[in-house]
N, C-alpha and C. Protein backbone atom coordinates (compact mmCIF):
# COMPACT_ATOMS: atom_id res chain seq x y z
N SER A 1 197.78 70.69 131.16
CA SER A 1 196.46 71.49 131.15
C SER A 1 196.51 72.89 131.60
N LEU A 2 197.13 72.89 132.68
CA LEU A 2 197.47 74.40 133.30
C LEU A 2 198.26 75.17 132.29
N ILE A 3 199.25 74.68 131.73
CA ILE A 3 199.88 75.37 130.94
C ILE A 3 199.07 76.14 129.54
N GLY A 4 198.31 75.21 128.85
CA GLY A 4 197.54 75.46 127.97
C GLY A 4 196.14 76.16 128.24
N SER A 5 196.02 76.57 129.49
CA SER A 5 194.69 76.99 129.75
C SER A 5 194.44 78.58 129.51
N ASN A 6 193.31 78.68 129.16
CA ASN A 6 192.94 80.15 128.92
C ASN A 6 193.29 81.06 129.99
N GLY A 7 193.17 80.65 131.28
CA GLY A 7 193.64 81.32 132.51
C GLY A 7 194.91 81.85 132.53
N VAL A 8 195.90 80.90 132.29
CA VAL A 8 197.31 81.09 132.37
C VAL A 8 197.70 82.01 131.04
N ARG A 9 197.01 81.63 130.01
CA ARG A 9 197.35 82.58 128.57
C ARG A 9 197.04 84.08 128.98
N ALA A 10 195.72 84.29 129.59
CA ALA A 10 195.50 85.46 129.88
C ALA A 10 196.22 86.21 131.19
N ALA A 11 196.75 85.43 131.82
CA ALA A 11 197.61 85.82 133.16
C ALA A 11 198.86 86.37 132.38
N LEU A 12 199.44 85.69 131.41
CA LEU A 12 200.63 86.18 130.81
C LEU A 12 200.59 87.33 130.04
N ASP A 13 199.34 88.02 129.70
CA ASP A 13 199.11 89.04 128.95
C ASP A 13 199.16 90.23 129.95
N VAL A 14 200.24 90.60 130.26
CA VAL A 14 200.43 91.74 131.15
C VAL A 14 199.86 93.09 130.72
N GLN A 15 199.66 93.12 129.31
CA GLN A 15 199.07 94.29 128.98
C GLN A 15 197.68 94.64 129.30
N GLN A 16 197.15 93.66 129.92
CA GLN A 16 195.66 93.83 130.54
C GLN A 16 195.82 94.82 131.74
N GLU A 17 197.01 95.00 132.41
CA GLU A 17 197.18 95.82 133.62
C GLU A 17 197.31 97.18 133.08
N SER A 18 196.99 98.13 134.13
CA SER A 18 197.35 99.59 133.77
C SER A 18 198.56 100.00 133.47
N ALA A 19 198.66 100.91 132.70
CA ALA A 19 200.17 101.63 132.21
C ALA A 19 201.02 101.81 133.63
N ALA A 20 200.18 102.50 134.51
CA ALA A 20 200.86 102.95 135.79
C ALA A 20 201.49 101.60 136.57
N LEU A 21 200.42 100.56 136.67
CA LEU A 21 201.15 99.44 137.50
C LEU A 21 202.21 98.95 136.54
N ARG A 22 202.10 98.52 135.35
CA ARG A 22 203.28 98.05 134.57
C ARG A 22 204.43 99.09 134.77
N GLU A 23 204.39 99.99 134.71
CA GLU A 23 205.66 101.21 135.09
C GLU A 23 206.11 100.85 136.55
N ARG A 24 205.20 100.73 137.33
CA ARG A 24 205.82 100.45 138.87
C ARG A 24 206.60 99.16 138.84
N TYR A 25 206.19 98.28 138.17
CA TYR A 25 207.12 97.09 138.09
C TYR A 25 208.29 97.24 137.24
N GLY A 26 208.32 98.31 136.37
CA GLY A 26 209.62 98.42 135.39
C GLY A 26 209.18 97.79 134.07
N MET A 27 209.52 98.81 132.96
CA MET A 27 209.33 98.25 131.69
C MET A 27 210.43 97.48 131.11
N THR A 28 210.78 96.48 131.93
CA THR A 28 211.85 95.56 131.56
C THR A 28 211.55 94.08 131.41
N LEU A 29 212.35 93.17 130.88
CA LEU A 29 211.76 91.78 131.00
C LEU A 29 211.66 91.42 132.32
N PHE A 30 212.47 91.78 133.21
CA PHE A 30 212.51 91.28 134.64
C PHE A 30 211.08 91.80 135.30
N GLY A 31 211.05 93.24 135.07
CA GLY A 31 209.75 93.72 135.84
C GLY A 31 208.36 93.05 135.17
N GLN A 32 208.44 92.95 134.07
CA GLN A 32 207.24 92.65 133.43
C GLN A 32 207.13 91.00 133.80
N SER A 33 208.08 90.23 133.98
CA SER A 33 207.83 88.83 134.41
C SER A 33 207.54 88.80 135.76
N CYS A 34 207.91 89.70 136.60
CA CYS A 34 207.43 89.81 138.06
C CYS A 34 205.80 90.12 137.97
N LEU A 35 205.60 91.10 137.12
CA LEU A 35 204.02 91.06 137.03
C LEU A 35 203.37 89.99 136.60
N ALA A 36 203.84 89.25 135.45
CA ALA A 36 203.22 88.08 134.99
C ALA A 36 203.19 87.05 136.21
N ALA A 37 204.25 86.95 137.05
CA ALA A 37 204.16 85.95 138.08
C ALA A 37 202.90 86.27 139.13
N ARG A 38 202.93 87.47 139.50
CA ARG A 38 201.71 87.87 140.29
C ARG A 38 200.42 87.37 139.47
N ARG A 39 200.18 87.72 138.27
CA ARG A 39 199.05 87.37 137.45
C ARG A 39 198.80 85.85 137.45
N LEU A 40 199.92 85.10 137.28
CA LEU A 40 199.90 83.55 137.33
C LEU A 40 199.44 83.05 138.73
N VAL A 41 199.67 83.54 139.79
CA VAL A 41 199.35 83.29 141.08
C VAL A 41 197.76 83.51 141.02
N GLU A 42 197.34 84.58 140.61
CA GLU A 42 196.02 84.78 140.60
C GLU A 42 195.15 83.98 139.82
N ALA A 43 195.79 83.37 138.82
CA ALA A 43 195.10 82.25 137.87
C ALA A 43 195.30 80.86 138.37
N GLY A 44 196.08 80.85 139.60
CA GLY A 44 195.83 79.33 140.27
C GLY A 44 197.18 78.59 140.15
N VAL A 45 198.26 79.25 139.47
CA VAL A 45 199.65 78.66 139.45
C VAL A 45 200.00 78.58 140.89
N ARG A 46 200.84 77.49 141.32
CA ARG A 46 201.06 77.44 142.68
C ARG A 46 202.79 77.60 142.66
N VAL A 47 203.34 77.49 141.76
CA VAL A 47 204.98 77.77 141.69
C VAL A 47 205.21 78.34 140.70
N VAL A 48 205.78 79.41 140.69
CA VAL A 48 206.32 80.38 139.71
C VAL A 48 207.70 80.68 139.87
N THR A 49 208.50 80.56 138.68
CA THR A 49 209.94 81.02 138.59
C THR A 49 210.14 82.15 137.82
N VAL A 50 210.74 83.26 138.21
CA VAL A 50 211.30 84.30 137.44
C VAL A 50 212.72 84.49 137.91
N ALA A 51 213.59 84.39 136.68
CA ALA A 51 214.98 84.47 136.93
C ALA A 51 215.45 85.75 136.25
N TYR A 52 216.61 86.23 136.94
CA TYR A 52 217.23 87.34 136.44
C TYR A 52 218.65 86.93 136.36
N GLY A 53 219.39 86.99 135.18
CA GLY A 53 220.60 86.63 135.15
C GLY A 53 221.41 87.78 135.38
N PHE A 54 222.56 87.65 134.70
CA PHE A 54 223.59 89.01 134.81
C PHE A 54 224.39 89.06 135.95
N TRP A 55 224.33 88.06 136.93
CA TRP A 55 224.98 88.27 138.18
C TRP A 55 226.52 87.92 138.23
N ASP A 56 226.87 87.10 137.31
CA ASP A 56 228.17 86.48 137.15
C ASP A 56 229.14 87.63 136.92
N THR A 57 229.39 88.34 138.04
CA THR A 57 230.27 89.52 137.91
C THR A 57 231.75 89.53 138.22
N HIS A 58 232.42 88.68 137.19
CA HIS A 58 233.84 88.33 137.40
C HIS A 58 234.62 89.55 137.00
N GLY A 59 234.07 90.37 136.26
CA GLY A 59 234.72 91.58 135.69
C GLY A 59 233.58 92.63 135.75
N ASN A 60 234.17 93.86 135.86
CA ASN A 60 233.22 95.31 135.89
C ASN A 60 232.08 94.98 136.84
N ASN A 61 232.19 94.45 138.11
CA ASN A 61 231.30 94.18 139.09
C ASN A 61 230.52 95.49 139.41
N PHE A 62 231.21 96.58 139.74
CA PHE A 62 230.45 97.74 140.22
C PHE A 62 229.52 98.38 138.88
N GLY A 63 230.23 98.43 137.81
CA GLY A 63 229.52 98.92 136.86
C GLY A 63 228.28 98.21 136.45
N HIS A 64 228.52 96.91 136.46
CA HIS A 64 227.42 95.91 136.05
C HIS A 64 226.26 95.96 137.13
N LEU A 65 226.64 96.09 138.48
CA LEU A 65 225.73 96.11 139.54
C LEU A 65 224.82 97.61 139.47
N LYS A 66 225.58 98.61 139.25
CA LYS A 66 225.07 99.83 139.04
C LYS A 66 223.91 99.89 137.91
N LYS A 67 224.21 99.09 136.92
CA LYS A 67 223.03 98.96 135.93
C LYS A 67 221.93 98.03 136.13
N HIS A 68 222.25 96.92 136.78
CA HIS A 68 221.33 95.81 137.03
C HIS A 68 220.48 95.82 138.38
N LEU A 69 221.31 96.34 139.54
CA LEU A 69 220.54 96.34 140.86
C LEU A 69 219.14 97.13 140.69
N PRO A 70 219.28 98.48 140.21
CA PRO A 70 217.85 99.16 140.42
C PRO A 70 216.66 98.49 139.39
N LEU A 71 217.21 97.77 138.41
CA LEU A 71 216.08 97.15 137.67
C LEU A 71 215.50 95.79 138.31
N TRP A 72 216.45 95.29 139.07
CA TRP A 72 216.01 94.14 140.03
C TRP A 72 215.22 94.52 141.17
N ASP A 73 215.66 95.72 141.72
CA ASP A 73 214.76 96.19 142.89
C ASP A 73 213.64 96.84 142.48
N THR A 74 213.33 97.38 141.38
CA THR A 74 212.32 97.90 141.03
C THR A 74 211.30 96.78 140.95
N GLY A 75 211.52 95.62 140.17
CA GLY A 75 210.73 94.54 139.80
C GLY A 75 210.41 93.78 141.08
N ILE A 76 211.33 93.43 142.08
CA ILE A 76 211.12 92.67 143.03
C ILE A 76 210.32 93.52 144.22
N SER A 77 210.53 94.64 144.35
CA SER A 77 209.80 95.45 145.36
C SER A 77 208.51 95.75 144.88
N ALA A 78 208.09 95.73 143.56
CA ALA A 78 206.77 96.14 143.14
C ALA A 78 206.01 94.76 143.30
N LEU A 79 206.63 93.67 143.18
CA LEU A 79 205.95 92.41 143.13
C LEU A 79 205.49 92.02 144.60
N ILE A 80 206.56 92.38 145.78
CA ILE A 80 205.94 92.15 147.01
C ILE A 80 204.97 93.09 147.54
N GLN A 81 205.04 94.32 146.93
CA GLN A 81 204.09 95.45 147.38
C GLN A 81 202.73 95.04 146.83
N ASP A 82 202.77 94.58 145.58
CA ASP A 82 201.50 94.21 144.81
C ASP A 82 200.98 92.97 145.49
N LEU A 83 201.49 92.08 146.06
CA LEU A 83 200.93 90.88 146.53
C LEU A 83 200.42 91.37 148.04
N HIS A 84 200.94 92.26 148.57
CA HIS A 84 200.69 92.77 149.75
C HIS A 84 199.23 93.60 149.70
N ASP A 85 199.18 94.42 148.75
CA ASP A 85 197.99 95.20 148.45
C ASP A 85 196.82 94.46 148.07
N ARG A 86 196.91 93.42 147.35
CA ARG A 86 195.95 92.49 146.76
C ARG A 86 195.60 91.36 148.01
N GLY A 87 196.10 91.50 149.11
CA GLY A 87 195.96 90.61 150.07
C GLY A 87 196.49 88.98 149.85
N LEU A 88 197.28 88.97 148.87
CA LEU A 88 197.92 87.74 148.58
C LEU A 88 199.25 87.44 149.51
N ASP A 89 199.74 88.23 150.03
CA ASP A 89 201.00 88.14 150.84
C ASP A 89 201.02 86.98 151.82
N GLN A 90 200.02 86.55 152.37
CA GLN A 90 200.14 85.41 153.40
C GLN A 90 199.99 84.17 152.63
N ASP A 91 199.56 84.23 151.41
CA ASP A 91 199.38 83.09 150.62
C ASP A 91 200.48 82.68 149.71
N VAL A 92 201.37 83.76 149.40
CA VAL A 92 202.46 83.60 148.25
C VAL A 92 203.80 83.90 148.97
N THR A 93 204.63 83.10 148.84
CA THR A 93 206.05 83.14 149.32
C THR A 93 206.87 83.82 148.25
N VAL A 94 207.55 84.82 148.45
CA VAL A 94 208.70 85.17 147.25
C VAL A 94 210.04 84.72 147.98
N CYS A 95 211.00 83.95 147.13
CA CYS A 95 212.00 83.33 147.41
C CYS A 95 212.95 84.10 146.64
N VAL A 96 214.09 84.66 147.01
CA VAL A 96 215.24 84.93 146.15
C VAL A 96 216.37 84.47 146.55
N TRP A 97 217.24 83.65 145.78
CA TRP A 97 218.49 83.25 146.24
C TRP A 97 219.34 82.80 145.14
N ASP A 98 220.48 82.48 145.18
CA ASP A 98 221.26 81.95 144.27
C ASP A 98 222.15 80.93 144.78
N GLU A 99 222.90 80.25 143.89
CA GLU A 99 223.73 79.04 144.46
C GLU A 99 224.87 79.55 145.04
N PHE A 100 225.47 80.54 145.22
CA PHE A 100 226.63 80.92 145.97
C PHE A 100 226.72 82.42 146.15
N GLY A 101 227.58 82.88 147.23
CA GLY A 101 227.77 84.34 147.25
C GLY A 101 228.83 84.76 146.55
N ARG A 102 229.44 85.90 146.84
CA ARG A 102 230.65 86.57 146.24
C ARG A 102 231.61 86.65 147.04
N THR A 103 232.77 86.76 146.78
CA THR A 103 234.16 86.72 147.54
C THR A 103 234.00 88.03 148.35
N PRO A 104 234.55 88.10 149.47
CA PRO A 104 234.53 89.32 150.23
C PRO A 104 235.57 90.29 149.72
N LYS A 105 236.52 89.69 148.99
CA LYS A 105 237.88 90.64 148.51
C LYS A 105 237.50 90.92 147.09
N ILE A 106 237.89 91.88 146.75
CA ILE A 106 237.80 92.29 145.10
C ILE A 106 238.96 91.58 144.51
N ASN A 107 238.94 91.15 143.17
CA ASN A 107 239.78 90.40 142.53
C ASN A 107 240.46 91.32 141.67
N LYS A 108 241.45 90.61 140.68
CA LYS A 108 242.10 91.52 140.06
C LYS A 108 241.36 92.43 139.05
N ASN A 109 240.36 91.92 138.66
CA ASN A 109 239.50 92.53 137.53
C ASN A 109 238.48 93.70 138.12
N ILE A 110 238.56 93.91 139.40
CA ILE A 110 238.03 94.95 140.19
C ILE A 110 236.51 94.49 140.42
N SER A 111 236.38 93.03 140.58
CA SER A 111 235.19 92.31 140.74
C SER A 111 235.33 91.23 141.78
N ARG A 112 234.05 90.37 141.78
CA ARG A 112 234.09 89.44 142.66
C ARG A 112 233.97 88.09 142.24
N ASP A 113 234.52 86.98 142.82
CA ASP A 113 234.48 85.76 142.31
C ASP A 113 233.31 84.91 143.17
N HIS A 114 233.13 83.59 142.66
CA HIS A 114 232.09 82.82 143.38
C HIS A 114 232.74 82.41 144.77
N TRP A 115 231.63 82.40 145.75
CA TRP A 115 232.00 82.32 147.31
C TRP A 115 231.03 81.45 147.93
N PRO A 116 231.00 80.27 148.15
CA PRO A 116 229.99 79.48 148.53
C PRO A 116 229.76 79.37 150.10
N LYS A 117 230.81 80.00 150.77
CA LYS A 117 230.81 80.01 152.20
C LYS A 117 229.77 80.93 152.98
N CYS A 118 229.32 82.06 152.29
CA CYS A 118 228.50 83.01 152.93
C CYS A 118 227.66 83.63 151.82
N TYR A 119 226.36 83.81 151.71
CA TYR A 119 225.53 84.53 151.01
C TYR A 119 224.15 84.76 151.40
N THR A 120 223.35 85.54 150.63
CA THR A 120 222.28 86.32 151.29
C THR A 120 221.20 85.65 150.30
N SER A 121 219.92 85.33 151.13
CA SER A 121 218.71 84.90 150.61
C SER A 121 217.60 85.91 151.06
N LEU A 122 216.42 85.99 150.30
CA LEU A 122 215.37 86.87 150.74
C LEU A 122 214.14 86.10 150.53
N LEU A 123 213.30 85.98 151.84
CA LEU A 123 212.01 85.26 151.87
C LEU A 123 210.95 86.57 152.14
N ALA A 124 209.93 86.51 151.53
CA ALA A 124 208.67 87.52 152.00
C ALA A 124 207.42 86.86 151.76
N GLY A 125 206.45 87.32 152.74
CA GLY A 125 205.16 86.60 152.57
C GLY A 125 204.88 85.16 152.85
N GLY A 126 203.87 84.68 152.70
CA GLY A 126 203.68 83.21 152.92
C GLY A 126 203.93 82.81 154.38
N GLY A 127 203.73 83.64 155.18
CA GLY A 127 203.97 83.27 156.61
C GLY A 127 205.32 83.41 157.20
N VAL A 128 206.07 84.23 156.32
CA VAL A 128 207.55 84.25 157.03
C VAL A 128 207.32 85.57 157.51
N GLN A 129 207.97 85.95 158.76
CA GLN A 129 207.88 87.00 159.51
C GLN A 129 208.76 88.11 158.92
N GLY A 130 208.14 89.12 158.36
CA GLY A 130 208.61 90.24 157.86
C GLY A 130 209.58 90.93 158.60
N GLY A 131 210.90 91.47 158.00
CA GLY A 131 211.80 92.28 158.64
C GLY A 131 212.66 91.28 159.69
N ALA A 132 212.56 90.10 159.69
CA ALA A 132 213.22 89.15 160.47
C ALA A 132 214.73 88.84 159.80
N VAL A 133 215.75 88.87 160.51
CA VAL A 133 216.87 88.37 160.04
C VAL A 133 217.46 87.00 160.60
N TYR A 134 217.64 85.94 159.83
CA TYR A 134 218.12 84.78 160.33
C TYR A 134 219.50 84.59 159.89
N GLY A 135 220.39 84.43 160.85
CA GLY A 135 221.94 84.30 160.32
C GLY A 135 222.49 85.63 160.28
N ARG A 136 223.80 85.84 160.30
CA ARG A 136 224.38 86.96 160.03
C ARG A 136 225.80 86.70 159.70
N SER A 137 226.48 87.46 158.83
CA SER A 137 227.79 87.19 158.30
C SER A 137 228.83 88.05 159.22
N ASP A 138 229.99 87.75 159.29
CA ASP A 138 231.02 88.50 159.82
C ASP A 138 231.04 89.89 159.21
N ARG A 139 231.81 90.92 159.51
CA ARG A 139 231.73 92.12 159.16
C ARG A 139 232.22 92.29 157.59
N THR A 140 233.08 91.32 157.12
CA THR A 140 233.56 91.37 155.75
C THR A 140 232.52 90.46 154.61
N GLY A 141 231.49 89.73 155.33
CA GLY A 141 230.79 89.02 154.54
C GLY A 141 231.52 87.59 153.97
N ALA A 142 232.56 87.20 154.78
CA ALA A 142 233.15 86.16 154.49
C ALA A 142 232.46 84.83 154.97
N PHE A 143 232.20 84.79 156.18
CA PHE A 143 231.70 83.72 156.92
C PHE A 143 230.45 84.01 157.70
N PRO A 144 229.55 82.82 157.90
CA PRO A 144 228.59 83.13 158.93
C PRO A 144 229.19 83.43 160.27
N ASP A 145 228.63 84.42 161.01
CA ASP A 145 228.91 84.97 162.26
C ASP A 145 228.09 84.56 163.53
N ARG A 146 226.74 84.53 163.14
CA ARG A 146 226.04 84.10 164.22
C ARG A 146 224.78 83.43 163.50
N ASP A 147 224.05 82.41 164.24
CA ASP A 147 223.04 81.87 163.74
C ASP A 147 223.07 81.51 162.26
N PRO A 148 224.03 80.65 161.72
CA PRO A 148 224.02 80.19 160.48
C PRO A 148 223.05 79.58 159.99
N VAL A 149 222.49 79.75 158.97
CA VAL A 149 221.25 79.18 158.11
C VAL A 149 221.94 78.08 157.21
N SER A 150 221.72 76.80 157.00
CA SER A 150 222.28 75.89 155.90
C SER A 150 221.31 76.07 154.75
N THR A 151 221.68 75.67 153.79
CA THR A 151 220.67 75.33 152.56
C THR A 151 219.74 74.22 152.88
N GLY A 152 220.18 73.38 153.65
CA GLY A 152 218.98 72.58 154.13
C GLY A 152 217.84 73.13 154.86
N ASP A 153 218.35 74.11 155.64
CA ASP A 153 217.45 74.96 156.55
C ASP A 153 216.39 75.38 155.59
N LEU A 154 216.98 76.14 154.55
CA LEU A 154 216.14 77.00 153.65
C LEU A 154 215.28 75.99 152.90
N ALA A 155 215.76 75.00 152.45
CA ALA A 155 214.85 73.94 151.76
C ALA A 155 213.72 73.55 152.69
N ALA A 156 214.03 73.20 153.72
CA ALA A 156 212.98 72.80 154.63
C ALA A 156 211.94 73.94 155.16
N THR A 157 212.41 75.12 155.16
CA THR A 157 211.44 76.47 155.23
C THR A 157 210.61 76.32 153.96
N VAL A 158 211.13 76.26 152.83
CA VAL A 158 210.29 76.44 151.41
C VAL A 158 209.39 75.28 151.54
N TYR A 159 209.83 74.00 151.85
CA TYR A 159 208.78 72.91 151.81
C TYR A 159 207.76 73.08 152.86
N HIS A 160 208.15 73.59 154.06
CA HIS A 160 206.99 73.91 154.95
C HIS A 160 206.07 74.98 154.37
N LEU A 161 206.48 75.89 153.96
CA LEU A 161 205.53 76.99 153.45
C LEU A 161 204.68 76.37 152.18
N LEU A 162 205.09 75.40 151.54
CA LEU A 162 204.55 74.61 150.46
C LEU A 162 203.57 73.50 150.98
N GLY A 163 203.50 73.41 152.32
CA GLY A 163 202.77 72.36 153.01
C GLY A 163 203.20 70.82 152.69
N ILE A 164 204.62 70.79 152.43
CA ILE A 164 205.30 69.43 152.13
C ILE A 164 206.08 69.15 153.34
N ASN A 165 205.98 67.87 153.65
CA ASN A 165 206.95 67.39 154.84
C ASN A 165 208.25 67.40 154.39
N HIS A 166 209.25 68.12 154.97
CA HIS A 166 210.68 68.22 154.41
C HIS A 166 211.44 66.96 154.85
N GLU A 167 210.91 66.02 155.86
CA GLU A 167 211.62 64.82 156.26
C GLU A 167 211.38 63.81 155.17
């Protein structure tokens, strides 16, 4: 019923927003999807997923990231700021993660391969302390150096933020 509701249908119509706000999110599929995510939250959707692929950089890592990181940064930073501006930042948690990190050493293709030993996640809003850093990698990004956070810890945090007992 939620998917077929008029509220969700209207929320997905990002053209109802001002041109300036749409531009702030970036006129890309990802940017407009971040805007749609904010609109879905306002329509009552409790969990929204926005995906951005293109991170499998086994070749041309630096050229690839030079193209994609600014697009990702524009969309995600606009989402977090817009949630804050609308007073939704304490009710909405933004979670950014992947299933693995990247090797600390450059491979033969001047790129990076999969590396499950150390990676980065971002949480914003929803009761998460802004600016806090949990865990730290060693200087090369190869292994956790201080206060490692496991995937179980991360899952328990998200469950807690959703009001679900992680036990």
